[in-house]
Protein backbone atom coordinates (compact mmCIF):
# COMPACT_ATOMS: atom_id res chain seq x y z
CA MET A 1 30.52 -54.36 0.00
CA SER A 2 29.05 -52.74 3.13
CA ILE A 3 26.01 -50.50 3.58
CA ALA A 4 25.08 -48.34 6.61
CA ARG A 5 22.08 -46.16 7.27
CA VAL A 6 21.54 -43.14 9.53
CA GLN A 7 18.36 -41.11 9.94
CA SER A 8 18.20 -37.32 9.55
CA PHE A 9 15.63 -34.68 8.60
CA ALA A 10 14.86 -32.05 5.98
CA PHE A 11 12.43 -29.23 6.81
CA SER A 12 9.21 -28.20 5.16
CA GLY A 13 8.17 -25.10 7.09
CA ILE A 14 8.38 -26.23 10.69
CA GLU A 15 7.52 -29.78 9.81
CA THR A 16 10.22 -32.45 9.58
CA VAL A 17 10.64 -34.71 6.53
CA PRO A 18 12.56 -37.96 7.33
CA VAL A 19 15.74 -38.43 5.24
CA GLU A 20 17.70 -41.62 5.33
CA VAL A 21 21.45 -41.25 4.72
CA GLN A 22 22.63 -44.41 3.02
CA VAL A 23 26.38 -45.16 2.54
CA GLN A 24 27.75 -47.91 0.36
CA ILE A 25 31.43 -48.76 0.26
CA SER A 26 32.27 -51.04 -2.70
CA GLY A 27 35.15 -51.93 -4.95
CA GLY A 28 36.18 -49.79 -7.89
CA LEU A 29 38.11 -46.58 -8.46
CA PRO A 30 38.39 -44.42 -5.32
CA ALA A 31 35.56 -41.89 -5.23
CA PHE A 32 33.44 -40.01 -2.68
CA LEU A 33 30.07 -39.22 -4.21
CA VAL A 34 26.86 -37.64 -2.79
CA VAL A 35 23.58 -38.16 -4.66
CA GLY A 36 19.96 -37.62 -3.81
CA LEU A 37 19.42 -33.99 -4.95
CA PRO A 38 21.85 -32.21 -2.56
CA ASP A 39 22.33 -28.46 -2.64
CA LYS A 40 25.73 -26.76 -2.61
CA ALA A 41 26.09 -26.95 1.14
CA VAL A 42 25.32 -30.66 1.21
CA ALA A 43 27.66 -31.43 -1.72
CA GLU A 44 30.48 -29.61 0.10
CA SER A 45 30.02 -31.92 3.12
CA ARG A 46 32.30 -34.41 1.39
CA GLU A 47 35.29 -32.22 2.03
CA ARG A 48 34.28 -31.42 5.65
CA VAL A 49 33.78 -35.05 6.42
CA ARG A 50 37.11 -35.98 4.81
CA ALA A 51 38.94 -33.24 6.71
CA ALA A 52 37.29 -34.21 10.01
CA LEU A 53 38.29 -37.88 9.60
CA THR A 54 41.81 -36.87 8.78
CA ALA A 55 41.99 -34.70 11.92
CA MET A 56 41.17 -37.85 14.02
CA GLY A 57 43.79 -39.93 12.27
CA LEU A 58 41.34 -41.80 10.06
CA SER A 59 41.15 -41.87 6.30
CA LEU A 60 38.60 -43.06 3.81
CA PRO A 61 39.25 -46.48 2.33
CA PRO A 62 40.59 -46.50 -1.25
CA LYS A 63 37.30 -47.63 -2.60
CA ARG A 64 34.12 -46.25 -4.11
CA VAL A 65 32.13 -44.42 -1.28
CA LEU A 66 28.59 -43.64 -2.47
CA ILE A 67 26.20 -41.59 -0.29
CA ASN A 68 22.53 -41.49 -1.12
CA LEU A 69 20.07 -39.16 0.55
CA ALA A 70 16.63 -40.76 0.31
CA PRO A 71 14.07 -39.92 -0.86
CA ALA A 72 16.10 -38.91 -3.88
CA ASP A 73 13.47 -36.56 -5.34
CA LEU A 74 13.46 -34.20 -2.33
CA LEU A 75 15.85 -31.23 -2.34
CA LYS A 76 18.30 -31.50 0.56
CA GLU A 77 19.49 -28.17 1.94
CA GLY A 78 21.82 -27.12 4.75
CA SER A 79 24.99 -28.12 6.47
CA HIS A 80 23.20 -30.20 9.14
CA PHE A 81 23.64 -33.28 6.95
CA ASP A 82 27.41 -33.27 7.76
CA LEU A 83 27.05 -35.31 10.93
CA PRO A 84 24.69 -38.00 9.65
CA ILE A 85 26.91 -38.50 6.61
CA ALA A 86 30.02 -38.83 8.80
CA LEU A 87 28.27 -41.30 11.10
CA ALA A 88 27.02 -43.42 8.22
CA VAL A 89 30.52 -43.46 6.70
CA LEU A 90 32.04 -44.49 10.07
CA ALA A 91 29.38 -47.21 10.48
CA ALA A 92 30.08 -48.55 6.97
CA MET A 93 33.78 -48.56 7.84
CA GLU A 94 32.87 -50.57 11.00
CA VAL A 95 34.40 -47.88 13.22
CA LEU A 96 30.97 -47.42 14.86
CA PRO A 97 28.37 -50.14 15.58
CA ALA A 98 25.78 -49.79 12.84
CA GLU A 99 22.95 -51.20 14.96
CA GLU A 100 23.42 -48.60 17.74
CA VAL A 101 23.82 -45.69 15.35
CA ALA A 102 20.59 -46.66 13.59
CA GLU A 103 18.65 -45.97 16.76
CA TYR A 104 19.35 -42.21 16.51
CA ALA A 105 18.58 -39.41 14.10
CA ALA A 106 21.45 -36.94 13.66
CA LEU A 107 22.08 -33.40 12.55
CA GLY A 108 25.07 -31.10 12.92
CA GLU A 109 27.79 -29.26 11.05
CA LEU A 110 31.32 -30.49 11.06
CA GLY A 111 34.39 -28.36 11.42
CA LEU A 112 37.66 -29.27 9.71
CA ASP A 113 39.09 -30.37 13.09
CA GLY A 114 36.12 -32.67 13.84
CA SER A 115 34.27 -30.21 16.11
CA LEU A 116 30.48 -29.89 15.84
CA ALA A 117 28.78 -26.54 15.35
CA PRO A 118 25.18 -25.73 16.20
CA VAL A 119 22.64 -25.74 13.33
CA ALA A 120 19.08 -24.48 12.73
CA GLY A 121 16.06 -26.67 13.26
CA VAL A 122 17.16 -28.81 16.19
CA LEU A 123 13.95 -28.28 18.16
CA PRO A 124 11.55 -29.56 15.42
CA ALA A 125 14.06 -32.30 14.57
CA ALA A 126 14.04 -33.51 18.24
CA ILE A 127 10.21 -33.53 18.25
CA GLY A 128 10.22 -35.43 14.97
CA ALA A 129 12.77 -37.92 16.29
CA ALA A 130 10.69 -38.48 19.48
CA GLY A 131 7.58 -39.07 17.38
CA ARG A 132 9.43 -41.83 15.50
CA GLY A 133 10.83 -43.52 18.55
CA LEU A 134 14.40 -42.46 17.79
CA GLY A 135 17.02 -40.68 19.82
CA LEU A 136 18.77 -37.57 18.56
CA ILE A 137 22.46 -36.75 18.08
CA CYS A 138 23.22 -33.02 17.80
CA PRO A 139 26.12 -30.63 18.62
CA ALA A 140 26.68 -29.68 22.23
CA GLY A 141 25.60 -26.14 21.55
CA SER A 142 22.13 -27.40 20.52
CA GLY A 143 21.69 -30.03 23.29
CA GLY A 144 19.69 -27.67 25.54
CA GLU A 145 17.36 -26.97 22.66
CA ALA A 146 16.83 -30.65 21.89
CA ALA A 147 16.11 -31.40 25.51
CA TRP A 148 12.82 -29.45 25.23
CA ALA A 149 11.35 -32.38 23.27
CA GLY A 150 10.69 -34.20 26.51
CA ASP A 151 11.23 -37.96 26.84
CA LEU A 152 13.97 -38.31 24.31
CA ARG A 153 17.46 -39.78 24.31
CA VAL A 154 19.82 -36.94 23.41
CA LEU A 155 23.57 -37.17 22.76
CA ALA A 156 25.17 -33.77 22.44
CA PRO A 157 28.93 -34.22 21.83
CA SER A 158 31.28 -31.29 21.25
CA SER A 159 33.22 -33.20 18.58
CA LEU A 160 33.02 -36.26 16.39
CA LEU A 161 35.78 -37.92 18.33
CA THR A 162 33.79 -37.58 21.60
CA LEU A 163 30.84 -39.28 19.92
CA ILE A 164 33.06 -42.14 18.67
CA ASN A 165 34.45 -42.62 22.23
CA HIS A 166 30.87 -42.74 23.58
CA PHE A 167 29.77 -45.48 21.19
CA ARG A 168 32.96 -47.47 21.78
CA GLY A 169 32.45 -47.31 25.54
CA THR A 170 35.56 -45.26 26.52
CA GLN A 171 33.53 -42.13 27.34
CA VAL A 172 30.00 -41.51 28.56
CA LEU A 173 27.98 -38.55 27.37
CA ALA A 174 25.59 -37.20 30.01
CA PRO A 175 22.10 -36.16 28.69
CA PRO A 176 21.91 -32.38 28.31
CA GLU A 177 19.65 -30.18 30.44
CA THR A 178 17.00 -27.92 28.97
CA ALA A 179 18.34 -24.51 28.01
CA GLY A 180 15.74 -22.63 30.09
CA LEU A 181 13.44 -19.84 29.13
CA ALA A 182 14.60 -16.82 27.18
CA GLU A 183 14.82 -13.52 29.11
CA ALA A 184 12.53 -10.97 27.50
CA PRO A 185 14.07 -7.56 26.87
CA PRO A 186 12.55 -4.90 29.16
CA ALA A 187 9.60 -3.21 27.55
CA PRO A 188 9.11 0.54 27.81
CA ASP A 189 6.50 1.49 30.37
CA LEU A 190 3.19 3.10 29.36
CA ALA A 191 3.56 5.47 32.28
CA ASP A 192 5.97 7.50 30.12
CA VAL A 193 3.11 8.45 27.81
CA ARG A 194 1.53 11.64 29.13
CA GLY A 195 -1.96 12.62 27.92
CA MET A 196 -3.06 10.89 24.71
CA GLU A 197 -5.94 9.14 26.56
CA SER A 198 -7.72 8.08 23.37
CA ALA A 199 -4.59 6.45 21.98
CA ARG A 200 -3.93 4.66 25.23
CA ARG A 201 -7.50 3.36 25.27
CA VAL A 202 -7.18 1.96 21.74
CA LEU A 203 -3.82 0.36 22.60
CA GLU A 204 -5.48 -1.42 25.55
CA ILE A 205 -8.35 -2.68 23.40
CA ALA A 206 -5.87 -3.92 20.74
CA ALA A 207 -3.89 -5.79 23.41
CA ALA A 208 -7.00 -7.34 25.01
CA GLY A 209 -8.35 -8.87 21.78
CA SER A 210 -5.13 -9.10 19.66
CA HIS A 211 -6.68 -6.70 17.11
CA ASN A 212 -4.92 -5.11 14.18
CA LEU A 213 -4.25 -1.37 14.73
CA LEU A 214 -3.44 1.53 12.47
CA MET A 215 -2.24 4.86 13.97
CA ILE A 216 -2.32 7.99 11.80
CA GLY A 217 -0.62 11.18 12.89
CA PRO A 218 2.01 13.79 12.02
CA PRO A 219 5.72 13.12 12.62
CA GLY A 220 6.63 13.12 16.32
CA ALA A 221 3.09 12.51 17.52
CA GLY A 222 4.10 9.39 19.44
CA LYS A 223 2.94 6.57 17.17
CA SER A 224 6.16 4.55 17.43
CA MET A 225 6.35 5.28 21.18
CA LEU A 226 2.90 3.73 21.64
CA ALA A 227 3.69 0.71 19.53
CA ALA A 228 6.90 0.01 21.48
CA ARG A 229 4.83 -0.28 24.66
CA LEU A 230 2.33 -2.76 23.35
CA PRO A 231 4.46 -5.88 24.06
CA GLY A 232 4.50 -4.91 27.70
CA LEU A 233 0.67 -5.20 27.83
CA LEU A 234 0.49 -8.74 26.38
CA PRO A 235 0.42 -11.85 28.55
CA ASP A 236 2.98 -14.61 28.33
CA LEU A 237 2.63 -17.29 25.68
CA ALA A 238 0.83 -20.47 26.60
CA PRO A 239 3.09 -23.58 26.64
CA ALA A 240 1.85 -24.83 23.27
CA GLU A 241 2.22 -21.36 21.74
CA ALA A 242 5.72 -20.98 23.17
CA LEU A 243 6.78 -24.28 21.63
CA GLU A 244 5.25 -23.36 18.19
CA VAL A 245 6.90 -19.95 18.20
CA SER A 246 10.24 -21.41 19.29
CA MET A 247 10.09 -23.96 16.52
CA ILE A 248 9.73 -21.22 13.88
CA HIS A 249 12.68 -19.34 15.34
CA SER A 250 14.64 -22.61 15.50
CA VAL A 251 14.12 -23.29 11.84
CA ALA A 252 15.18 -19.71 11.05
CA GLY A 253 18.34 -20.20 13.10
CA MET A 254 17.28 -17.46 15.56
CA LEU A 255 16.63 -19.41 18.78
CA ALA A 256 19.57 -17.99 20.74
CA GLY A 257 21.14 -20.55 23.09
CA GLY A 258 18.20 -22.92 22.63
CA HIS A 259 16.15 -20.87 25.11
CA LEU A 260 12.45 -21.37 24.76
CA LEU A 261 10.57 -18.09 24.01
CA ARG A 262 7.91 -17.23 26.59
CA ARG A 263 7.08 -13.64 25.56
CA PRO A 264 5.20 -12.69 22.31
CA PRO A 265 7.75 -11.72 19.65
CA PHE A 266 7.85 -8.11 18.46
CA ARG A 267 9.14 -7.59 14.92
CA GLU A 268 9.61 -4.21 13.27
CA PRO A 269 11.09 -4.55 9.73
CA HIS A 270 12.18 -1.46 7.84
CA HIS A 271 10.00 -0.16 5.07
CA THR A 272 12.64 -1.16 2.48
CA ALA A 273 12.01 -4.89 3.32
CA SER A 274 11.17 -6.97 0.22
CA GLN A 275 8.12 -9.16 -0.14
CA ALA A 276 10.22 -12.27 0.51
CA ALA A 277 11.58 -10.77 3.73
CA LEU A 278 8.03 -10.03 4.91
CA THR A 279 6.15 -13.16 3.95
CA GLY A 280 8.98 -15.63 3.60
CA GLY A 281 10.75 -17.15 0.60
CA GLY A 282 14.19 -16.72 -0.93
CA GLN A 283 16.32 -19.43 -2.41
CA ARG A 284 15.85 -21.65 0.68
CA ALA A 285 12.26 -20.61 1.55
CA ARG A 286 13.03 -19.20 4.98
CA PRO A 287 10.33 -17.85 7.30
CA GLY A 288 9.57 -14.18 6.84
CA GLU A 289 8.70 -11.46 9.33
CA VAL A 290 5.02 -12.44 9.46
CA SER A 291 6.01 -15.94 10.69
CA LEU A 292 8.69 -14.67 13.05
CA ALA A 293 5.92 -12.48 14.57
CA HIS A 294 3.62 -15.50 15.01
CA ARG A 295 1.57 -15.08 18.22
CA GLY A 296 3.20 -11.66 18.62
CA VAL A 297 3.22 -8.19 17.02
CA LEU A 298 4.35 -7.09 13.57
CA PHE A 299 4.97 -3.34 13.61
CA LEU A 300 5.13 -1.57 10.26
CA ASP A 301 6.20 2.03 10.61
CA GLU A 302 5.64 4.35 7.66
CA LEU A 303 3.09 1.85 6.25
CA PRO A 304 2.58 3.53 2.82
CA GLU A 305 6.34 3.50 2.20
CA PHE A 306 6.29 -0.30 1.94
CA ALA A 307 5.97 -1.66 -1.60
CA ARG A 308 2.39 -2.10 -2.69
CA ALA A 309 2.94 -5.80 -3.55
CA SER A 310 4.52 -6.45 -0.13
CA LEU A 311 1.56 -4.97 1.67
CA ASP A 312 -1.01 -6.86 -0.38
CA ALA A 313 0.90 -10.06 0.33
CA LEU A 314 -0.06 -9.56 3.98
CA ARG A 315 -3.71 -10.05 3.20
CA GLN A 316 -3.73 -13.83 3.13
CA PRO A 317 -1.85 -14.34 6.44
CA LEU A 318 -3.95 -11.71 8.18
CA GLU A 319 -7.07 -13.65 7.23
CA THR A 320 -5.92 -17.28 7.50
CA GLY A 321 -3.15 -17.20 10.08
CA HIS A 322 -0.59 -18.94 7.83
CA THR A 323 1.46 -18.09 4.79
CA THR A 324 2.47 -20.42 1.91
CA VAL A 325 5.67 -19.98 -0.03
CA ALA A 326 5.02 -21.44 -3.47
CA ARG A 327 7.91 -22.66 -5.51
CA ALA A 328 8.14 -24.90 -8.58
CA ALA A 329 9.81 -27.68 -6.54
CA ALA A 330 7.64 -27.48 -3.36
CA HIS A 331 5.09 -25.47 -1.32
CA VAL A 332 6.21 -24.50 2.19
CA THR A 333 3.65 -23.34 4.78
CA TYR A 334 4.54 -21.39 7.92
CA PRO A 335 2.19 -20.35 10.79
CA SER A 336 1.60 -16.55 10.71
CA ARG A 337 -1.04 -15.65 13.31
CA PHE A 338 0.25 -12.17 14.19
CA GLN A 339 -1.15 -8.87 15.37
CA LEU A 340 -0.50 -6.12 12.81
CA VAL A 341 0.30 -2.69 14.26
CA ALA A 342 0.96 0.05 11.69
CA ALA A 343 1.77 3.75 11.76
CA MET A 344 1.58 6.34 9.01
CA ASN A 345 1.58 10.06 8.37
CA PRO A 346 -1.59 11.65 7.00
CA CYS A 347 0.27 12.64 3.86
CA ARG A 348 3.78 12.48 2.43
CA CYS A 349 4.89 15.73 4.06
CA GLY A 350 3.11 14.57 7.27
CA HIS A 351 1.27 17.88 8.07
CA LEU A 352 -2.17 17.50 6.51
CA GLY A 353 -4.61 19.70 8.46
CA ASP A 354 -1.92 21.79 10.12
CA THR A 355 -2.67 25.35 9.14
CA THR A 356 0.80 26.62 10.10
CA ARG A 357 2.65 24.06 8.01
CA GLU A 358 0.19 23.04 5.27
CA CYS A 359 1.95 21.92 2.06
CA SER A 360 1.18 23.51 -1.24
CA ARG A 361 0.03 20.23 -2.79
CA ALA A 362 -2.89 19.55 -0.41
CA PRO A 363 -5.16 17.64 -0.81
CA ARG A 364 -3.42 15.96 -3.71
CA CYS A 365 -0.47 15.12 -1.47
CA ALA A 366 -2.66 13.10 0.85
CA GLU A 367 -4.60 11.38 -1.94
CA ASP A 368 -1.40 10.14 -3.69
CA TYR A 369 0.04 8.97 -0.36
CA LEU A 370 -3.07 7.04 0.73
CA ALA A 371 -3.53 5.50 -2.70
CA ARG A 372 -0.59 3.20 -1.77
CA LEU A 373 -2.92 1.35 0.65
CA SER A 374 -5.53 -0.98 -0.88
CA GLY A 375 -9.06 -1.18 0.38
CA PRO A 376 -8.91 -4.90 1.13
CA LEU A 377 -5.85 -4.34 3.38
CA LEU A 378 -7.56 -1.51 5.29
CA ASP A 379 -10.68 -3.71 5.71
CA ARG A 380 -8.56 -6.12 7.67
CA ILE A 381 -7.62 -3.53 10.21
CA ASP A 382 -9.88 -3.49 13.27
CA LEU A 383 -8.85 -0.23 14.97
CA THR A 384 -7.93 3.07 13.38
CA ILE A 385 -6.90 6.03 15.61
CA ALA A 386 -5.77 9.57 14.81
CA VAL A 387 -2.79 10.35 17.04
CA THR A 388 -2.51 14.11 17.69
CA PRO A 389 0.71 15.42 19.24
CA ALA A 390 0.45 16.83 22.74
CA SER A 391 1.37 20.42 23.25
CA PRO A 392 4.45 21.35 25.22
CA ALA A 393 2.31 22.63 27.97
CA GLU A 394 0.32 19.39 28.22
CA ILE A 395 3.51 17.36 28.31
CA ALA A 396 4.98 19.52 31.07
CA ARG A 397 1.81 19.60 33.21
CA ALA A 398 0.11 16.28 32.62
CA PRO A 399 0.67 13.66 35.33
CA ALA A 400 2.37 10.36 34.60
CA GLY A 401 0.16 7.92 32.80
CA GLU A 402 -1.15 4.69 34.15
CA PRO A 403 1.74 2.15 34.29
CA SER A 404 1.92 -0.90 31.97
CA ALA A 405 1.50 -3.30 34.92
CA ALA A 406 -1.97 -2.02 35.73
CA VAL A 407 -3.10 -2.09 32.05
CA ALA A 408 -1.54 -5.54 31.53
CA ALA A 409 -3.59 -6.82 34.54
CA ARG A 410 -6.82 -5.74 32.85
CA VAL A 411 -5.72 -7.27 29.56
CA ALA A 412 -4.84 -10.49 31.30
CA ALA A 413 -8.29 -10.67 32.91
CA ALA A 414 -9.89 -10.04 29.49
CA ARG A 415 -7.77 -12.74 27.90
CA GLN A 416 -8.85 -15.14 30.70
CA LEU A 417 -12.48 -14.52 29.82
CA GLN A 418 -11.70 -15.25 26.16
CA ALA A 419 -9.89 -18.49 27.10
CA GLU A 420 -12.95 -19.65 29.06
CA ARG A 421 -15.08 -18.87 26.02
CA ALA A 422 -12.75 -20.62 23.58
CA GLU A 423 -14.72 -23.85 23.16
CA THR A 424 -17.91 -21.84 22.37
CA VAL A 425 -16.44 -19.37 19.81
CA GLY A 426 -13.70 -21.51 18.51
CA ALA A 427 -10.60 -19.43 19.36
CA ALA A 428 -8.61 -18.24 22.34
CA THR A 429 -8.67 -14.58 21.38
CA ASN A 430 -11.42 -12.38 20.01
CA ALA A 431 -9.46 -11.54 16.89
CA GLU A 432 -9.83 -15.19 15.71
CA ALA A 433 -13.27 -16.03 17.20
CA ASP A 434 -16.54 -16.65 15.39
CA ALA A 435 -18.25 -13.29 16.04
CA LEU A 436 -21.74 -14.63 15.30
CA LYS A 437 -21.51 -16.78 18.44
CA PHE A 438 -20.99 -13.86 20.79
CA VAL A 439 -23.69 -13.10 23.23
CA ALA A 440 -25.05 -9.56 22.58
CA ALA A 441 -27.89 -7.43 23.93
CA PRO A 442 -30.82 -6.91 21.46
CA GLU A 443 -30.16 -3.17 21.23
CA ALA A 444 -26.52 -3.93 20.40
CA ARG A 445 -27.59 -6.24 17.60
CA THR A 446 -29.89 -3.62 16.23
CA LEU A 447 -27.15 -0.96 16.23
CA VAL A 448 -24.79 -3.29 14.39
CA GLU A 449 -27.33 -3.97 11.72
CA GLN A 450 -28.12 -0.29 11.22
CA ALA A 451 -24.45 0.67 11.13
CA ALA A 452 -23.62 -2.06 8.58
CA GLU A 453 -26.23 -0.61 6.27
CA LYS A 454 -25.57 3.10 6.73
CA LEU A 455 -21.79 2.83 6.79
CA HIS A 456 -21.68 0.23 4.04
CA LEU A 457 -19.61 -2.18 6.10
CA SER A 458 -18.45 -5.29 4.27
CA PRO A 459 -19.29 -8.65 5.90
CA ARG A 460 -15.65 -8.78 7.12
CA GLY A 461 -15.94 -5.25 8.54
CA LEU A 462 -19.14 -6.25 10.36
CA VAL A 463 -17.49 -9.30 11.91
CA ARG A 464 -14.41 -7.35 12.96
CA THR A 465 -16.53 -4.66 14.56
CA LEU A 466 -18.29 -7.25 16.64
CA ARG A 467 -14.88 -8.73 17.69
CA VAL A 468 -13.73 -5.32 18.86
CA ALA A 469 -16.98 -4.76 20.73
CA ARG A 470 -16.50 -8.09 22.45
CA SER A 471 -12.98 -7.04 23.63
CA ILE A 472 -14.42 -3.76 24.92
CA ALA A 473 -17.02 -5.73 26.88
CA ASP A 474 -14.37 -8.13 28.19
CA LEU A 475 -12.38 -5.22 29.54
CA ALA A 476 -15.47 -4.07 31.41
CA GLY A 477 -16.13 -7.61 32.68
CA GLU A 478 -19.46 -7.80 30.91
CA ASN A 479 -20.99 -11.11 29.79
CA ALA A 480 -22.89 -9.66 26.82
CA ILE A 481 -21.92 -7.03 24.29
CA ARG A 482 -23.71 -3.79 25.08
CA ARG A 483 -24.90 -1.00 22.74
CA ALA A 484 -22.15 1.30 24.06
CA ASP A 485 -19.52 -1.34 23.22
CA VAL A 486 -20.71 -1.50 19.62
CA ALA A 487 -20.80 2.34 19.34
CA GLU A 488 -17.23 2.58 20.53
CA ALA A 489 -16.11 -0.15 18.18
CA LEU A 490 -17.71 1.59 15.23
CA ALA A 491 -15.88 4.82 16.17
CA TYR A 492 -12.63 2.95 15.59
CA ARG A 493 -13.45 1.77 12.03
CA HIS A 494 -11.63 3.42 9.12
CA ARG A 495 -11.40 7.10 9.55
CA VAL A 496 -8.52 7.69 7.17
CA PRO A 497 -7.99 11.34 6.16
CA GLY A 498 -8.73 11.93 2.52
CA ARG A 499 -10.94 8.80 2.13
CA ARG A 500 -14.71 8.54 2.33
């Protein structure tokens, strides 16, 4: 009887959970069994491993081959267990040296011809292996992604046969190079927006402090056009943020070519998206749009058309910066610190207030439409702006707007001030900071207190108003919040048509 062990990983959010693949070959009736709570993909690995060995001219011994995935009470999901199972079987058959194989963690999907296909989650697996003093064996297509883990021994073969030759000394696998940084798609330029000075100003404030923004206006007013230009105003991700965002996309199987993301992600799901698609979940508890937009922008067009339950599910991640997918078997938590940008019409027909095209159901049309949005969700939105369409004459005669590069420079300067203040206020952006620690002029504090009483601001609304005022002051290069900054921030609190 022989036993071999190979390390691998399961995933809980972006965290790795060590899994030991144990193989025992013993006497008895020929069998090939996988135990340890495998899902369908893991159970089918038996046939892929058998076919891959046959393609190399090997065959399983006519004995009882038992594979245990420990810990046995943890659900094992995904095809990435193919490679560690194959390596453990080969080590138990004494085709590979068990001592050398035990120094690596492994993950990869096997083809029927023994080739290795890329799998999701290689980046967090590489970081997990490095933290445990192990090397990593992964498919060649994932080698560049694994190399981002730093000081880590990485073997990235294209096939199982190549890996066997490496361990037997007939072939040497060179360590893979890092895959490089992902090229960001070109963002539309803000210079294309003519007129609309108020909307441009609010967009700049939202970018400076990473504030949530709601745009309200009739169809064709330019709400989606403005939202598409927001990513071009945001600075690059910090190295730690880039690694965290890339880990989320790696677990989701969306890290194309293993390239590390350097630009804030921009996600725009359709309004028919389910709650699981937005916040995460499904049979395998995958990250949702709020997590894929981590440290970036989540744009929800036609906001009231989303399901009420889906919108209310955004309240927790908007407040805490993470989302938890609760299942009977486990709870999975993903980072979800995103900037919400939403757009909506003033009513279902979209022409509330337009005397030339007023619908016959006004104001009931607007009341029914706005009733889809809950008060707690609106209270988490920092900036609300009415976007009015420019007239044909204004579009034709107005000069080109200020380009994105100039606005992005001011935003970067404001973000730098926030980064220098991070230790004092506890966050790198104003949207996350402790607003009570901001420096404010006495007259600004007085105005905030008066407005909170007269406008019936909730404590959350008061804090968010101070955060917006701080961003306005940062854009002006001011050390303290001024009365004018507070007044402008108050002007952007909820002014939703049809609501008091």
